[in-house]
Amino acid sequence: TPSCPHCSRSSSTLYARAPSAGVTAFPPCRYLLCASGDFVKVYSVNTEETLRLMGGHADLVTGIQLNPHNHMQLYSSSLDGTIKLWDFMDGIPIKTFTVGSKLLALYALASAEDSVFVVIPKKGERDTFQLVSVKLTKGAGQDLESKELSVVLDGVGASVKHIAFGREGAYVVSVKDVTLQVYFFKRKLLNRFSLSTVKTKGGDNRFSCVVCHPTEDCIATGHADGKIRLWRNFHHRKEYTYSTLHWHHDIVMDLAFSVEGTRLLSGGVESVLVQWHNESSCQKDFLPRLGSPIEYISMSSDGALCCTLHTDNRITIINSNLRFSRSIQGLIKSRDVKTGLVVDPRTKALVLNGEPGHLQFYSLQSDQQLFSVSWVDLYQV
């Protein structure tokens, strides 16, 4: 079952990020990669079937990223303290790098050769996290130790959505509570910007997510009150500016720029994917009725597709013209399994509660939902 993906970014692959991992897509998009518990799954974008199930981690997979130097390979991180490099076409591990600390999020940059970035707990402090650079050890063996860590930022959020890297990896941005940090690597300069902590009527400035424009120095942040802020001139501590976009009535759960940067996608509890054009509140399109809140958004590397991960454990694949393409439905977690667990003798599927008012028939052999049956007259938005 896919863990809630956040869509992230050879032949063509699409990957979505999970709450702590991701979904990714390949140009022309043929594969979708997704963290799922202790495993990484490879789906066919065209048929929705599971092509490969890559296992080897001993705990929850918290991040996946294509190798920026070889798009036939994939990095994965886990709470087990290891980073694995995979040949996902064949489904085999190439290297395992033991870091030691629990790894909560993973980032790989083309500009950072032989290194990746991870979020780890800060030693000796509870609920405090650091973004660190991990030098990936070179060696002939398959199992290597990589314990050379360099702290980049302190006091970061634990979610993968709370950190983003700027164009060409020149800087990294972190958001937490009402504070935004920007660290410039070459200048070794850290700028901090804080918003008001006072909650006004309908206003809540707390950050929920952050993304960076792919070609310009522009940062987009989502907020708890449904606003989106676009930050510029943040190289200066006092002369920075931001503009505001507002449509969502509740928390902005994720953001993603298109590959060329002319469009910004946003999603939240409304189950609507919003597409903003040229950073204008007047130019926007909507893809409504997606069934459940959007937790993560990921764009394919060729820009042809994006995918959204929903709270009902479903990945939706969407064309660049904002038209629905396909969906991959995982096992729906019901609050109360009133039915118990029943096996349908005809389909050999597991039958249990699904969406409110529905029974789901789930195939354990193919690891996908066969169908959902409504037994009460409910209308799903």
Protein backbone atom coordinates (compact mmCIF):
# COMPACT_ATOMS: atom_id res chain seq x y z
CA THR A 1 0.00 0.00 0.00
CA PRO A 2 1.49 3.38 -0.88
CA SER A 3 2.28 5.48 2.13
CA CYS A 4 0.80 8.92 1.71
CA PRO A 5 2.90 10.33 -1.11
CA HIS A 6 4.16 13.75 -1.56
CA CYS A 7 4.82 14.09 -5.17
CA SER A 8 8.36 14.96 -5.82
CA ARG A 9 10.43 15.25 -8.49
CA SER A 10 14.98 9.14 -16.69
CA SER A 11 13.67 7.33 -19.22
CA SER A 12 10.65 8.93 -17.50
CA THR A 13 9.88 8.66 -13.86
CA LEU A 14 7.35 10.26 -11.59
CA TYR A 15 7.86 10.13 -7.86
CA ALA A 16 5.56 11.24 -5.13
CA ARG A 17 6.76 12.07 -1.65
CA ALA A 18 5.19 10.23 1.16
CA PRO A 19 4.53 11.87 4.49
CA SER A 20 8.15 11.34 4.91
CA ALA A 21 9.05 9.97 1.55
CA GLY A 22 8.07 10.51 -2.09
CA VAL A 23 6.57 9.72 -5.48
CA THR A 24 8.60 10.34 -8.61
CA ALA A 25 7.99 10.28 -12.40
CA PHE A 26 10.32 9.63 -15.40
CA PRO A 27 10.16 11.52 -18.86
CA PRO A 28 8.24 10.34 -20.90
CA CYS A 29 6.57 9.36 -17.62
CA ARG A 30 6.57 5.59 -17.45
CA TYR A 31 7.26 4.86 -13.79
CA LEU A 32 6.03 6.13 -10.47
CA LEU A 33 8.19 5.50 -7.42
CA CYS A 34 6.67 5.55 -3.97
CA ALA A 35 7.73 4.83 -0.40
CA SER A 36 5.48 2.26 1.23
CA GLY A 37 6.28 1.28 4.80
CA ASP A 38 9.72 -0.37 4.84
CA PHE A 39 9.64 -0.74 1.04
CA VAL A 40 9.92 1.30 -2.15
CA LYS A 41 7.38 0.51 -4.86
CA VAL A 42 7.73 1.00 -8.61
CA TYR A 43 4.40 1.46 -10.42
CA SER A 44 3.61 1.64 -14.11
CA VAL A 45 2.08 5.03 -14.89
CA ASN A 46 0.22 3.51 -17.85
CA THR A 47 -1.28 0.41 -16.23
CA GLU A 48 -1.16 1.34 -12.50
CA GLU A 49 0.28 -2.11 -11.70
CA THR A 50 3.09 -2.67 -9.21
CA LEU A 51 6.19 -3.55 -11.25
CA ARG A 52 8.68 -3.97 -8.41
CA LEU A 53 8.74 -4.03 -4.63
CA MET A 54 12.18 -3.10 -3.32
CA GLY A 55 12.88 -4.25 0.23
CA GLY A 56 15.96 -4.10 2.43
CA HIS A 57 15.35 -1.34 4.97
CA ALA A 58 14.65 -2.48 8.52
CA ASP A 59 12.32 0.43 9.35
CA LEU A 60 10.06 3.05 7.75
CA VAL A 61 11.34 4.58 4.49
CA THR A 62 11.31 8.35 5.02
CA GLY A 63 12.63 9.70 1.71
CA ILE A 64 13.30 8.81 -1.91
CA GLN A 65 15.22 10.84 -4.48
CA LEU A 66 16.46 10.09 -7.99
CA ASN A 67 20.23 10.09 -8.24
CA PRO A 68 20.81 13.47 -10.00
CA HIS A 69 23.88 12.00 -11.73
CA ASN A 70 22.19 8.81 -12.94
CA HIS A 71 18.42 8.84 -13.40
CA MET A 72 18.29 5.06 -13.55
CA GLN A 73 19.20 5.01 -9.85
CA LEU A 74 17.34 5.98 -6.70
CA TYR A 75 18.38 6.94 -3.18
CA SER A 76 16.20 6.00 -0.20
CA SER A 77 16.51 6.92 3.48
CA SER A 78 15.02 5.21 6.50
CA LEU A 79 14.50 5.41 10.24
CA ASP A 80 16.92 2.46 10.37
CA GLY A 81 19.78 4.96 9.89
CA THR A 82 20.77 3.88 6.39
CA ILE A 83 20.72 5.35 2.89
CA LYS A 84 20.39 2.86 0.04
CA LEU A 85 21.27 3.38 -3.62
CA TRP A 86 19.08 1.29 -5.94
CA ASP A 87 18.98 0.27 -9.56
CA PHE A 88 15.21 0.58 -9.62
CA MET A 89 14.91 -0.77 -13.17
CA ASP A 90 16.10 -4.15 -11.90
CA GLY A 91 14.95 -3.62 -8.31
CA ILE A 92 18.34 -4.39 -6.76
CA PRO A 93 20.35 -2.47 -4.13
CA ILE A 94 23.75 -1.19 -5.28
CA LYS A 95 25.08 0.33 -2.04
CA THR A 96 24.02 0.71 1.58
CA PHE A 97 25.47 3.67 3.51
CA THR A 98 25.14 3.45 7.30
CA VAL A 99 24.76 6.92 8.84
CA GLY A 100 23.71 5.88 12.33
CA SER A 101 21.11 8.50 13.24
CA LYS A 102 17.43 8.16 12.39
CA LEU A 103 16.91 9.76 8.97
CA LEU A 104 13.68 11.77 8.73
CA ALA A 105 13.95 13.34 5.25
CA LEU A 106 16.24 13.10 2.22
CA TYR A 107 17.40 15.56 -0.47
CA ALA A 108 19.79 14.95 -3.39
CA LEU A 109 21.24 17.80 -5.49
CA ALA A 110 23.14 17.77 -8.78
CA SER A 111 25.46 20.44 -7.36
CA ALA A 112 26.43 18.31 -4.34
CA GLU A 113 28.68 15.58 -5.69
CA ASP A 114 29.18 12.51 -3.49
CA SER A 115 26.88 14.00 -0.83
CA VAL A 116 23.21 14.05 0.09
CA PHE A 117 21.28 16.03 2.69
CA VAL A 118 19.22 14.47 5.47
CA VAL A 119 17.23 15.64 8.50
CA ILE A 120 18.28 13.99 11.78
CA PRO A 121 17.35 14.44 15.47
CA LYS A 122 19.75 16.71 17.35
CA LYS A 123 21.64 14.72 19.97
CA GLY A 124 20.65 15.44 23.54
CA GLU A 125 17.62 17.56 22.64
CA ARG A 126 14.07 16.32 22.36
CA ASP A 127 11.99 17.24 19.28
CA THR A 128 14.85 19.29 17.80
CA PHE A 129 16.15 18.51 14.31
CA GLN A 130 19.10 19.41 12.09
CA LEU A 131 19.69 19.45 8.36
CA VAL A 132 23.07 17.84 7.72
CA SER A 133 25.18 16.99 4.69
CA VAL A 134 26.28 13.34 4.49
CA LYS A 135 29.42 12.49 2.53
CA LEU A 136 28.75 9.17 0.78
CA THR A 137 31.82 7.00 1.25
CA LYS A 138 33.45 5.59 -1.87
CA GLY A 139 34.51 1.98 -1.74
CA ALA A 140 34.35 -1.39 -3.42
CA GLY A 141 32.02 -3.05 -0.94
CA GLN A 142 28.25 -2.95 -0.95
CA ASP A 143 27.94 -1.96 2.75
CA LEU A 144 29.75 1.23 3.69
CA GLU A 145 29.83 3.54 6.71
CA SER A 146 29.07 7.23 6.02
CA LYS A 147 29.37 9.03 9.34
CA GLU A 148 31.04 12.22 8.10
CA LEU A 149 28.24 14.71 8.76
CA SER A 150 28.29 18.51 8.40
CA VAL A 151 25.53 20.56 10.05
CA VAL A 152 23.89 22.98 7.59
CA LEU A 153 20.89 24.27 9.59
CA ASP A 154 19.73 23.89 13.19
CA GLY A 155 16.15 23.96 14.43
CA VAL A 156 14.50 22.72 11.23
CA GLY A 157 11.13 20.97 10.89
CA ALA A 158 11.04 17.19 10.71
CA SER A 159 8.82 17.10 7.61
CA VAL A 160 10.26 16.90 4.08
CA LYS A 161 7.87 19.75 3.21
CA HIS A 162 9.66 22.17 5.56
CA ILE A 163 12.92 22.36 3.57
CA ALA A 164 13.60 23.30 -0.06
CA PHE A 165 16.72 24.04 -2.11
CA GLY A 166 17.03 27.09 -4.36
CA ARG A 167 18.03 27.20 -8.01
CA GLU A 168 21.21 25.26 -8.79
CA GLY A 169 21.56 24.47 -5.08
CA ALA A 170 22.84 27.97 -4.24
CA TYR A 171 20.83 28.16 -1.01
CA VAL A 172 18.55 26.15 1.22
CA VAL A 173 15.32 27.34 2.84
CA SER A 174 13.77 26.07 6.07
CA VAL A 175 10.39 26.97 7.61
CA LYS A 176 9.19 26.27 11.12
CA ASP A 177 6.37 27.87 13.12
CA VAL A 178 6.49 31.53 11.93
CA THR A 179 10.22 31.65 11.03
CA LEU A 180 11.83 31.30 7.59
CA GLN A 181 15.59 30.67 7.32
CA VAL A 182 17.68 31.03 4.15
CA TYR A 183 21.27 29.75 4.15
CA PHE A 184 23.54 30.74 1.24
CA PHE A 185 26.24 28.10 0.75
CA LYS A 186 28.99 30.12 -0.98
CA ARG A 187 28.67 33.20 1.25
CA LYS A 188 28.02 31.09 4.37
CA LEU A 189 25.31 33.61 5.20
CA LEU A 190 22.14 32.86 7.17
CA ASN A 191 19.14 35.20 6.93
CA ARG A 192 16.10 34.79 9.21
CA PHE A 193 12.68 36.29 8.64
CA SER A 194 9.82 36.10 11.12
CA LEU A 195 6.10 36.73 10.72
CA SER A 196 3.76 37.84 13.47
CA THR A 197 2.74 35.18 15.97
CA VAL A 198 -0.51 36.99 16.72
CA LYS A 199 -3.52 35.14 15.30
CA THR A 200 -5.99 37.63 13.90
CA LYS A 201 -9.54 36.80 12.84
CA GLY A 202 -9.09 34.17 10.15
CA GLY A 203 -5.32 34.75 10.07
CA ASP A 204 -2.61 32.28 11.12
CA ASN A 205 0.94 32.93 9.83
CA ARG A 206 2.43 29.57 10.76
CA PHE A 207 4.32 27.96 7.85
CA SER A 208 3.08 24.62 6.52
CA CYS A 209 5.32 24.02 3.47
CA VAL A 210 7.96 25.61 1.24
CA VAL A 211 9.19 25.26 -2.37
CA CYS A 212 11.72 27.21 -4.45
CA HIS A 213 11.34 28.48 -8.01
CA PRO A 214 13.43 26.35 -10.42
CA THR A 215 15.07 29.25 -12.30
CA GLU A 216 14.53 32.44 -10.26
CA ASP A 217 15.28 33.57 -6.73
CA CYS A 218 11.71 33.17 -5.49
CA ILE A 219 10.44 31.19 -2.51
CA ALA A 220 6.81 30.07 -2.18
CA THR A 221 5.48 29.27 1.29
CA GLY A 222 2.15 27.82 2.38
CA HIS A 223 0.50 28.84 5.64
CA ALA A 224 -1.98 27.52 8.18
CA ASP A 225 -4.62 30.11 7.23
CA GLY A 226 -4.68 29.13 3.53
CA LYS A 227 -2.44 31.93 2.27
CA ILE A 228 0.53 31.48 -0.07
CA ARG A 229 3.41 33.96 0.14
CA LEU A 230 5.93 34.55 -2.66
CA TRP A 231 9.23 35.86 -1.25
CA ARG A 232 11.83 37.83 -3.21
CA ASN A 233 14.95 39.87 -2.49
CA PHE A 234 15.64 37.64 0.52
CA HIS A 235 19.38 38.06 0.03
CA HIS A 236 18.87 41.17 2.18
CA ARG A 237 17.58 41.00 5.73
CA LYS A 238 15.60 44.23 5.57
CA GLU A 239 14.79 44.84 1.89
CA TYR A 240 12.98 41.52 1.33
CA THR A 241 9.48 41.57 -0.16
CA TYR A 242 6.59 39.14 -0.45
CA SER A 243 3.27 39.06 -2.25
CA THR A 244 0.23 37.00 -1.23
CA LEU A 245 -2.07 34.57 -3.05
CA HIS A 246 -5.21 33.40 -1.29
CA TRP A 247 -7.88 30.87 -2.27
CA HIS A 248 -7.66 28.02 0.24
CA HIS A 249 -9.90 28.41 3.28
CA ASP A 250 -7.71 26.21 5.47
CA ILE A 251 -4.07 25.08 5.70
CA VAL A 252 -2.05 24.86 2.47
CA MET A 253 -0.79 21.29 2.68
CA ASP A 254 1.70 21.34 -0.21
CA LEU A 255 3.07 23.38 -3.11
CA ALA A 256 4.97 22.57 -6.31
CA PHE A 257 6.34 24.69 -9.15
CA SER A 258 6.10 23.51 -12.74
CA VAL A 259 9.43 22.62 -14.38
CA GLU A 260 9.68 25.97 -16.19
CA GLY A 261 8.41 27.88 -13.14
CA THR A 262 5.49 29.67 -14.81
CA ARG A 263 2.87 27.74 -12.82
CA LEU A 264 2.48 27.03 -9.11
CA LEU A 265 0.32 24.15 -7.86
CA SER A 266 -1.27 24.13 -4.42
CA GLY A 267 -3.46 21.69 -2.52
CA GLY A 268 -5.19 21.30 0.82
CA VAL A 269 -8.25 20.06 2.66
CA GLU A 270 -10.67 21.22 -0.06
CA SER A 271 -9.71 18.23 -2.30
CA VAL A 272 -9.03 20.75 -5.09
CA LEU A 273 -5.76 21.16 -7.01
CA VAL A 274 -5.22 24.88 -7.72
CA GLN A 275 -2.94 26.04 -10.55
CA TRP A 276 -1.68 29.65 -10.29
CA HIS A 277 -0.31 31.30 -13.43
CA ASN A 278 2.58 33.79 -13.38
CA GLU A 279 2.22 34.38 -9.63
CA SER A 280 -1.11 36.14 -10.18
CA SER A 281 -4.18 35.73 -7.99
CA CYS A 282 -6.33 36.62 -11.01
CA GLN A 283 -5.05 33.78 -13.20
CA LYS A 284 -5.80 30.39 -11.74
CA ASP A 285 -7.36 27.07 -12.76
CA PHE A 286 -8.94 24.35 -10.64
CA LEU A 287 -9.20 20.56 -10.69
CA PRO A 288 -11.97 19.93 -8.13
CA ARG A 289 -13.62 16.86 -6.56
CA LEU A 290 -10.45 14.82 -6.10
CA GLY A 291 -12.13 12.85 -3.30
CA SER A 292 -10.05 13.63 -0.23
CA PRO A 293 -7.56 16.25 1.07
CA ILE A 294 -4.29 16.65 -0.85
CA GLU A 295 -1.25 15.98 1.34
CA TYR A 296 1.57 16.06 -1.23
CA ILE A 297 2.15 17.28 -4.79
CA SER A 298 4.97 16.10 -7.05
CA MET A 299 5.96 17.13 -10.57
CA SER A 300 7.58 14.79 -13.11
CA SER A 301 11.02 15.82 -14.33
CA ASP A 302 9.75 16.46 -17.88
CA GLY A 303 6.74 18.46 -16.67
CA ALA A 304 4.26 16.22 -18.50
CA LEU A 305 2.58 14.91 -15.35
CA CYS A 306 2.10 15.73 -11.73
CA CYS A 307 0.80 13.50 -8.98
CA THR A 308 -1.02 14.20 -5.76
CA LEU A 309 -1.11 12.06 -2.64
CA HIS A 310 -4.35 12.07 -0.67
CA THR A 311 -5.31 11.33 2.91
CA ASP A 312 -7.26 8.24 1.81
CA ASN A 313 -3.98 6.60 0.69
CA ARG A 314 -4.49 7.32 -2.99
CA ILE A 315 -2.16 8.72 -5.64
CA THR A 316 -3.78 10.70 -8.46
CA ILE A 317 -1.86 11.19 -11.72
CA ILE A 318 -2.74 14.42 -13.53
CA ASN A 319 -1.79 15.70 -16.98
CA SER A 320 -0.02 19.06 -17.41
CA ASN A 321 -3.28 20.57 -18.75
CA LEU A 322 -4.84 19.82 -15.34
CA ARG A 323 -6.87 16.85 -16.55
CA PHE A 324 -7.27 13.69 -14.48
CA SER A 325 -5.32 10.76 -15.93
CA ARG A 326 -5.24 7.82 -13.49
CA SER A 327 -5.29 6.96 -9.81
CA ILE A 328 -3.64 4.28 -7.69
CA GLN A 329 -5.70 3.39 -4.63
CA GLY A 330 -4.00 1.82 -1.64
CA LEU A 331 -5.73 0.16 1.30
CA ILE A 332 -8.05 2.71 2.90
CA LYS A 333 -7.62 2.98 6.65
CA SER A 334 -11.02 3.17 8.30
CA ARG A 335 -11.38 4.66 11.76
CA ASP A 336 -13.45 1.70 12.91
CA VAL A 337 -13.35 -1.65 11.11
CA LYS A 338 -16.89 -2.64 12.05
CA THR A 339 -17.02 -5.40 9.46
CA GLY A 340 -14.02 -7.33 10.72
CA LEU A 341 -11.90 -8.96 7.98
CA VAL A 342 -13.72 -11.11 5.44
CA VAL A 343 -12.29 -12.90 2.38
CA ASP A 344 -14.50 -12.90 -0.71
CA PRO A 345 -14.36 -16.51 -2.04
CA ARG A 346 -14.98 -15.41 -5.64
CA THR A 347 -12.26 -12.74 -6.01
CA LYS A 348 -10.05 -13.88 -3.08
CA ALA A 349 -10.07 -10.22 -2.06
CA LEU A 350 -10.01 -8.90 1.50
CA VAL A 351 -13.31 -7.12 2.27
CA LEU A 352 -13.54 -4.44 4.96
CA ASN A 353 -14.68 -0.89 5.65
CA GLY A 354 -13.38 1.70 3.19
CA GLU A 355 -14.51 5.27 2.65
CA PRO A 356 -17.53 6.27 4.78
CA GLY A 357 -20.50 4.23 3.56
CA HIS A 358 -18.34 1.94 1.38
CA LEU A 359 -16.88 -1.56 1.45
CA GLN A 360 -13.48 -2.00 -0.20
CA PHE A 361 -12.39 -5.19 -1.98
CA TYR A 362 -8.59 -5.33 -1.75
CA SER A 363 -6.39 -7.88 -3.54
CA LEU A 364 -3.45 -8.94 -1.38
CA GLN A 365 -1.90 -10.71 -4.38
CA SER A 366 -1.69 -7.61 -6.60
CA ASP A 367 -1.67 -5.17 -3.66
CA GLN A 368 -4.38 -2.95 -5.12
CA GLN A 369 -8.03 -2.15 -4.62
CA LEU A 370 -10.26 -4.10 -7.00
CA PHE A 371 -13.38 -2.02 -6.40
CA SER A 372 -15.37 -0.11 -3.78
CA VAL A 373 -19.07 -0.74 -3.15
CA SER A 374 -21.39 1.90 -1.69
CA TRP A 375 -24.00 0.57 0.72
CA VAL A 376 -25.52 3.88 1.81
CA ASP A 377 -26.59 6.93 -0.19
CA LEU A 378 -23.64 9.25 0.49
CA TYR A 379 -22.17 11.85 -1.87
CA GLN A 380 -18.40 12.11 -1.90
CA VAL A 381 -16.93 15.52 -2.79
